[in-house]
Amino acid sequence: MPAISDTVSEVVGKHCGKYFHELFQQPPDFLTDQDEFERFTAVVSVMLGKGSPSMLGVYRLIAANQPLVERLKLLANKDYVHINDTLRMWNPQPQETICIFPIVLAASIIRSMNERLILLAEELYTQYGNEWLIPYFSAKLFTNRADNVYDEFAIFLQDEALNRYIHNGLGRIYYDDQIGSHTMSAFWGRYSYGSYDNRTFFKRKLAENLDARWLERLMEHPHLNDKVKFQVYNRSPVIYESYKQMVIDLLPKTIEDVRMRSYLGLSK
């Protein structure tokens, strides 16, 4: 779904704003109803890439109501929640639910590089911090030198409350062997057999390949099986939601570094 004109985006943004105003007045279990959940996923889907004033207002509304987002329950009695192939969660917890819209913003920046969305990511991170670090970090990877990005963001790896947002930002990246570049990507849309298929995939090269110091720092993390909920899952075999998979995707397919192979437990 490509980014389209502000005229359409403005209309869509007004409808989305109305939807979220109403949603935030509902009880936490409102989206456990299948029909309401389908409506929710449709609204999330159409937000992609749009940066008109009304859509910027939607993000601001969501950020200002973070406690209401955090308490949302997504589908009753299901271990797996699938909004799209970028936003899919097993046993989602509140700390993952609040990441949905920051990741929508990050995906929108990947898709369109809309300057207003890039500035919005900085605004929301400056005002609210926490999960809005994901799109802010993502935007910087497209607009700044690799060493400057590392110098600004690597410090968050030391913070147990914030490092998961950096991990989920890195989880959008894979090393594209064909072009020799670190690339950020997202899958969007959904599929229902015999009913609809609106899936799409898009990607964008980072301004520069990741600073090599990231890999050194990532190897200091002692827990390879820690959860990183939102990832590209570019490679096979896939280790769903794991820190190890995130690191593997940042590397070329042929990993020659002995220390890295040892850290990842890869065969010699």
Protein backbone atom coordinates (compact mmCIF):
# COMPACT_ATOMS: atom_id res chain seq x y z
CA MET A 1 0.00 0.00 0.00
CA PRO A 2 2.00 3.02 -1.20
CA ALA A 3 1.94 6.36 0.52
CA ILE A 4 -0.62 8.54 -1.24
CA SER A 5 -1.66 12.18 -1.37
CA ASP A 6 -2.35 14.30 1.67
CA THR A 7 -5.94 14.72 0.50
CA VAL A 8 -6.66 11.03 0.99
CA SER A 9 -4.38 10.81 4.04
CA GLU A 10 -6.26 13.67 5.68
CA VAL A 11 -9.61 11.91 5.21
CA VAL A 12 -8.19 8.61 6.45
CA GLY A 13 -6.56 10.34 9.41
CA LYS A 14 -9.87 11.88 10.49
CA HIS A 15 -11.58 8.49 10.36
CA CYS A 16 -8.71 6.90 12.32
CA GLY A 17 -8.84 9.67 14.91
CA LYS A 18 -12.57 9.14 15.39
CA TYR A 19 -12.00 5.40 15.72
CA PHE A 20 -9.35 5.74 18.43
CA HIS A 21 -11.34 8.35 20.35
CA GLU A 22 -14.16 5.80 20.52
CA LEU A 23 -11.85 2.85 21.21
CA PHE A 24 -10.30 4.54 24.23
CA GLN A 25 -13.76 4.89 25.77
CA GLN A 26 -14.40 1.15 25.54
CA PRO A 27 -13.60 -1.50 28.18
CA PRO A 28 -10.19 -3.23 27.90
CA ASP A 29 -11.69 -6.44 26.50
CA PHE A 30 -13.46 -4.66 23.61
CA LEU A 31 -11.06 -6.04 20.98
CA THR A 32 -11.47 -9.63 22.12
CA ASP A 33 -14.50 -9.72 19.84
CA GLN A 34 -13.37 -11.08 16.44
CA ASP A 35 -15.27 -8.48 14.41
CA GLU A 36 -13.90 -5.61 16.48
CA PHE A 37 -10.39 -7.01 16.21
CA GLU A 38 -10.73 -7.18 12.41
CA ARG A 39 -11.82 -3.55 12.39
CA PHE A 40 -8.82 -2.65 14.55
CA THR A 41 -6.39 -4.39 12.17
CA ALA A 42 -7.96 -2.58 9.22
CA VAL A 43 -7.42 0.80 10.89
CA VAL A 44 -3.82 -0.07 11.76
CA SER A 45 -3.21 -1.14 8.16
CA VAL A 46 -4.40 2.09 6.56
CA MET A 47 -2.17 4.23 8.79
CA LEU A 48 0.90 3.06 6.89
CA GLY A 49 3.00 5.79 5.29
CA LYS A 50 0.55 8.63 5.83
CA GLY A 51 1.80 11.90 7.27
CA SER A 52 -0.99 14.44 6.83
CA PRO A 53 -1.84 16.73 9.78
CA SER A 54 -4.83 14.62 10.82
CA MET A 55 -2.72 11.43 10.80
CA LEU A 56 -0.02 13.10 12.87
CA GLY A 57 -2.81 13.92 15.29
CA VAL A 58 -3.73 10.24 15.46
CA TYR A 59 -0.23 9.32 16.63
CA ARG A 60 -0.28 12.13 19.18
CA LEU A 61 -3.65 10.93 20.48
CA ILE A 62 -2.34 7.38 20.82
CA ALA A 63 0.86 8.50 22.56
CA ALA A 64 -1.09 10.64 25.02
CA ASN A 65 -3.29 7.67 25.90
CA GLN A 66 -0.54 5.10 26.44
CA PRO A 67 -2.15 3.65 29.61
CA LEU A 68 -5.30 2.90 27.59
CA VAL A 69 -3.27 1.25 24.83
CA GLU A 70 -1.37 -0.80 27.38
CA ARG A 71 -4.52 -2.30 28.87
CA LEU A 72 -6.03 -3.38 25.53
CA LYS A 73 -6.67 -7.09 25.26
CA LEU A 74 -6.27 -8.42 21.71
CA LEU A 75 -8.50 -11.43 20.93
CA ALA A 76 -9.83 -13.69 23.67
CA ASN A 77 -8.25 -17.04 24.56
CA LYS A 78 -5.59 -16.88 21.86
CA ASP A 79 -1.86 -17.26 22.36
CA TYR A 80 -1.08 -15.76 18.95
CA VAL A 81 -2.14 -12.32 17.76
CA HIS A 82 -1.66 -11.52 14.09
CA ILE A 83 -2.25 -7.96 12.93
CA ASN A 84 0.11 -8.42 10.01
CA ASP A 85 3.45 -10.14 9.40
CA THR A 86 5.30 -7.31 11.11
CA LEU A 87 2.92 -7.05 14.06
CA ARG A 88 2.52 -10.62 15.24
CA MET A 89 2.89 -11.71 18.82
CA TRP A 90 2.83 -14.91 20.80
CA ASN A 91 1.39 -14.48 24.30
CA PRO A 92 1.39 -10.67 24.03
CA GLN A 93 2.00 -8.74 27.22
CA PRO A 94 1.19 -5.06 27.87
CA GLN A 95 4.81 -4.06 27.20
CA GLU A 96 4.43 -5.50 23.70
CA THR A 97 0.99 -4.03 23.05
CA ILE A 98 2.29 -0.50 23.60
CA CYS A 99 4.88 -1.09 20.86
CA ILE A 100 2.27 -1.60 18.13
CA PHE A 101 1.91 2.04 17.14
CA PRO A 102 5.57 3.01 17.47
CA ILE A 103 6.27 0.16 15.05
CA VAL A 104 3.52 1.41 12.73
CA LEU A 105 5.31 4.77 12.73
CA ALA A 106 8.69 3.10 12.11
CA ALA A 107 7.22 1.08 9.23
CA SER A 108 5.67 4.25 7.81
CA ILE A 109 9.08 5.93 7.83
CA ILE A 110 10.61 2.93 6.06
CA ARG A 111 7.82 3.08 3.49
CA SER A 112 7.67 6.78 2.73
CA MET A 113 10.57 8.67 4.38
CA ASN A 114 8.01 11.41 4.96
CA GLU A 115 9.83 14.27 6.68
CA ARG A 116 6.80 15.00 8.87
CA LEU A 117 6.81 11.44 10.19
CA ILE A 118 10.54 11.63 10.89
CA LEU A 119 10.04 14.83 12.87
CA LEU A 120 7.04 13.29 14.64
CA ALA A 121 9.16 10.33 15.77
CA GLU A 122 11.57 12.74 17.42
CA GLU A 123 8.72 14.76 18.95
CA LEU A 124 7.01 11.72 20.49
CA TYR A 125 10.26 10.30 21.82
CA THR A 126 11.21 13.66 23.33
CA GLN A 127 7.79 14.01 24.98
CA TYR A 128 7.03 10.41 25.98
CA GLY A 129 10.28 8.41 25.71
CA ASN A 130 10.12 4.64 26.20
CA GLU A 131 8.50 2.76 23.27
CA TRP A 132 8.74 5.82 21.01
CA LEU A 133 12.47 5.21 20.99
CA ILE A 134 11.77 2.58 18.29
CA PRO A 135 10.73 4.95 15.46
CA TYR A 136 13.15 7.66 16.59
CA PHE A 137 16.06 5.20 16.42
CA SER A 138 14.81 3.85 13.09
CA ALA A 139 14.60 7.33 11.58
CA LYS A 140 18.12 8.17 12.69
CA LEU A 141 19.45 5.06 10.93
CA PHE A 142 18.14 6.49 7.65
CA THR A 143 19.26 10.06 8.15
CA ASN A 144 22.51 10.07 10.14
CA ARG A 145 26.03 8.71 9.87
CA ALA A 146 26.47 5.25 11.33
CA ASP A 147 29.05 6.32 13.92
CA ASN A 148 26.81 9.14 15.15
CA VAL A 149 23.86 6.77 15.49
CA TYR A 150 25.96 4.35 17.51
CA ASP A 151 27.29 7.11 19.75
CA GLU A 152 23.75 8.33 20.48
CA PHE A 153 21.91 5.05 20.94
CA ALA A 154 24.32 2.32 22.07
CA ILE A 155 24.10 3.62 25.63
CA PHE A 156 20.52 2.32 25.81
CA LEU A 157 21.81 -1.25 25.61
CA GLN A 158 22.92 -0.83 29.23
CA ASP A 159 19.42 0.11 30.38
CA GLU A 160 17.23 -2.92 31.12
CA ALA A 161 14.09 -0.81 30.83
CA LEU A 162 15.00 0.59 27.40
CA ASN A 163 17.24 -1.93 25.65
CA ARG A 164 14.26 -3.92 24.36
CA TYR A 165 13.26 -0.91 22.25
CA ILE A 166 16.71 -0.82 20.64
CA HIS A 167 16.51 -4.60 20.13
CA ASN A 168 13.14 -4.24 18.40
CA GLY A 169 14.54 -1.44 16.26
CA LEU A 170 17.45 -3.65 15.25
CA GLY A 171 14.95 -6.45 14.68
CA ARG A 172 13.70 -4.60 11.61
CA ILE A 173 17.15 -4.83 10.00
CA TYR A 174 18.81 -7.56 7.99
CA TYR A 175 22.03 -7.71 6.01
CA ASP A 176 21.21 -7.89 2.31
CA ASP A 177 23.99 -10.01 0.81
CA GLN A 178 22.98 -9.13 -2.74
CA ILE A 179 23.80 -5.46 -2.32
CA GLY A 180 26.11 -5.66 0.71
CA SER A 181 23.97 -3.31 2.77
CA HIS A 182 22.10 -3.26 6.03
CA THR A 183 18.46 -2.88 5.09
CA MET A 184 15.32 -2.18 7.10
CA SER A 185 12.09 -3.79 6.00
CA ALA A 186 8.51 -4.53 6.92
CA PHE A 187 5.72 -6.86 5.86
CA TRP A 188 2.25 -5.35 5.77
CA GLY A 189 -1.30 -6.44 5.07
CA ARG A 190 -3.10 -9.71 5.75
CA TYR A 191 -4.27 -12.85 4.01
CA SER A 192 -7.37 -14.99 4.34
CA TYR A 193 -7.65 -18.00 2.06
CA GLY A 194 -10.35 -17.49 -0.57
CA SER A 195 -11.29 -14.10 0.84
CA TYR A 196 -8.54 -11.50 0.51
CA ASP A 197 -4.80 -11.07 0.12
CA ASN A 198 -3.45 -7.55 0.56
CA ARG A 199 0.04 -8.43 1.74
CA THR A 200 3.04 -6.39 0.67
CA PHE A 201 6.72 -6.08 1.52
CA PHE A 202 8.95 -3.03 1.39
CA LYS A 203 12.50 -2.22 2.36
CA ARG A 204 15.02 0.61 2.45
CA LYS A 205 18.79 0.70 2.84
CA LEU A 206 20.17 2.42 5.92
CA ALA A 207 22.11 5.63 5.30
CA GLU A 208 25.24 3.60 6.07
CA ASN A 209 25.84 0.06 7.22
CA LEU A 210 25.65 -0.34 10.99
CA ASP A 211 28.74 0.75 12.86
CA ALA A 212 30.81 -2.37 13.60
CA ARG A 213 30.79 -1.50 17.30
CA TRP A 214 27.14 -2.58 17.49
CA LEU A 215 28.14 -6.21 17.01
CA GLU A 216 30.80 -5.94 19.70
CA ARG A 217 28.25 -4.55 22.12
CA LEU A 218 25.57 -7.04 21.16
CA MET A 219 27.97 -9.89 21.93
CA GLU A 220 28.16 -8.62 25.51
CA HIS A 221 24.50 -9.55 26.04
CA PRO A 222 24.50 -12.77 28.10
CA HIS A 223 21.01 -14.07 27.29
CA LEU A 224 20.71 -15.37 23.72
CA ASN A 225 17.18 -16.60 24.31
CA ASP A 226 15.80 -13.28 25.49
CA LYS A 227 12.65 -12.26 23.65
CA VAL A 228 12.77 -9.74 20.81
CA LYS A 229 9.14 -9.71 19.80
CA PHE A 230 9.19 -7.81 16.52
CA GLN A 231 11.63 -9.04 13.88
CA VAL A 232 12.02 -9.33 10.12
CA TYR A 233 12.56 -13.12 10.24
CA ASN A 234 14.57 -12.92 7.05
CA ARG A 235 16.58 -16.10 7.49
CA SER A 236 15.83 -19.80 7.96
CA PRO A 237 15.75 -21.72 10.19
CA VAL A 238 13.83 -19.17 12.19
CA ILE A 239 14.16 -18.92 15.96
CA TYR A 240 11.01 -16.97 16.68
CA GLU A 241 11.27 -13.89 18.86
CA SER A 242 14.83 -14.58 20.02
CA TYR A 243 17.75 -12.24 20.55
CA LYS A 244 19.93 -14.77 18.75
CA GLN A 245 17.83 -14.50 15.59
CA MET A 246 18.06 -10.72 15.71
CA VAL A 247 21.85 -10.84 15.79
CA ILE A 248 22.06 -13.49 13.04
CA ASP A 249 20.00 -11.32 10.69
CA LEU A 250 22.43 -8.43 11.11
CA LEU A 251 25.27 -10.56 9.73
CA PRO A 252 26.19 -11.79 6.25
CA LYS A 253 25.06 -15.32 5.47
CA THR A 254 28.68 -16.46 5.68
CA ILE A 255 29.90 -15.62 9.17
CA GLU A 256 33.67 -15.96 9.36
CA ASP A 257 34.34 -14.21 12.65
CA VAL A 258 35.32 -16.96 15.11
CA ARG A 259 34.16 -15.08 18.22
CA MET A 260 30.79 -14.32 16.67
CA ARG A 261 30.29 -17.93 15.61
CA SER A 262 31.18 -19.09 19.11
CA TYR A 263 28.84 -16.55 20.72
CA LEU A 264 25.94 -17.62 18.49
CA GLY A 265 26.68 -21.31 18.99
CA LEU A 266 27.10 -21.91 15.27
CA SER A 267 28.91 -24.97 13.96
CA LYS A 268 32.51 -24.48 12.89
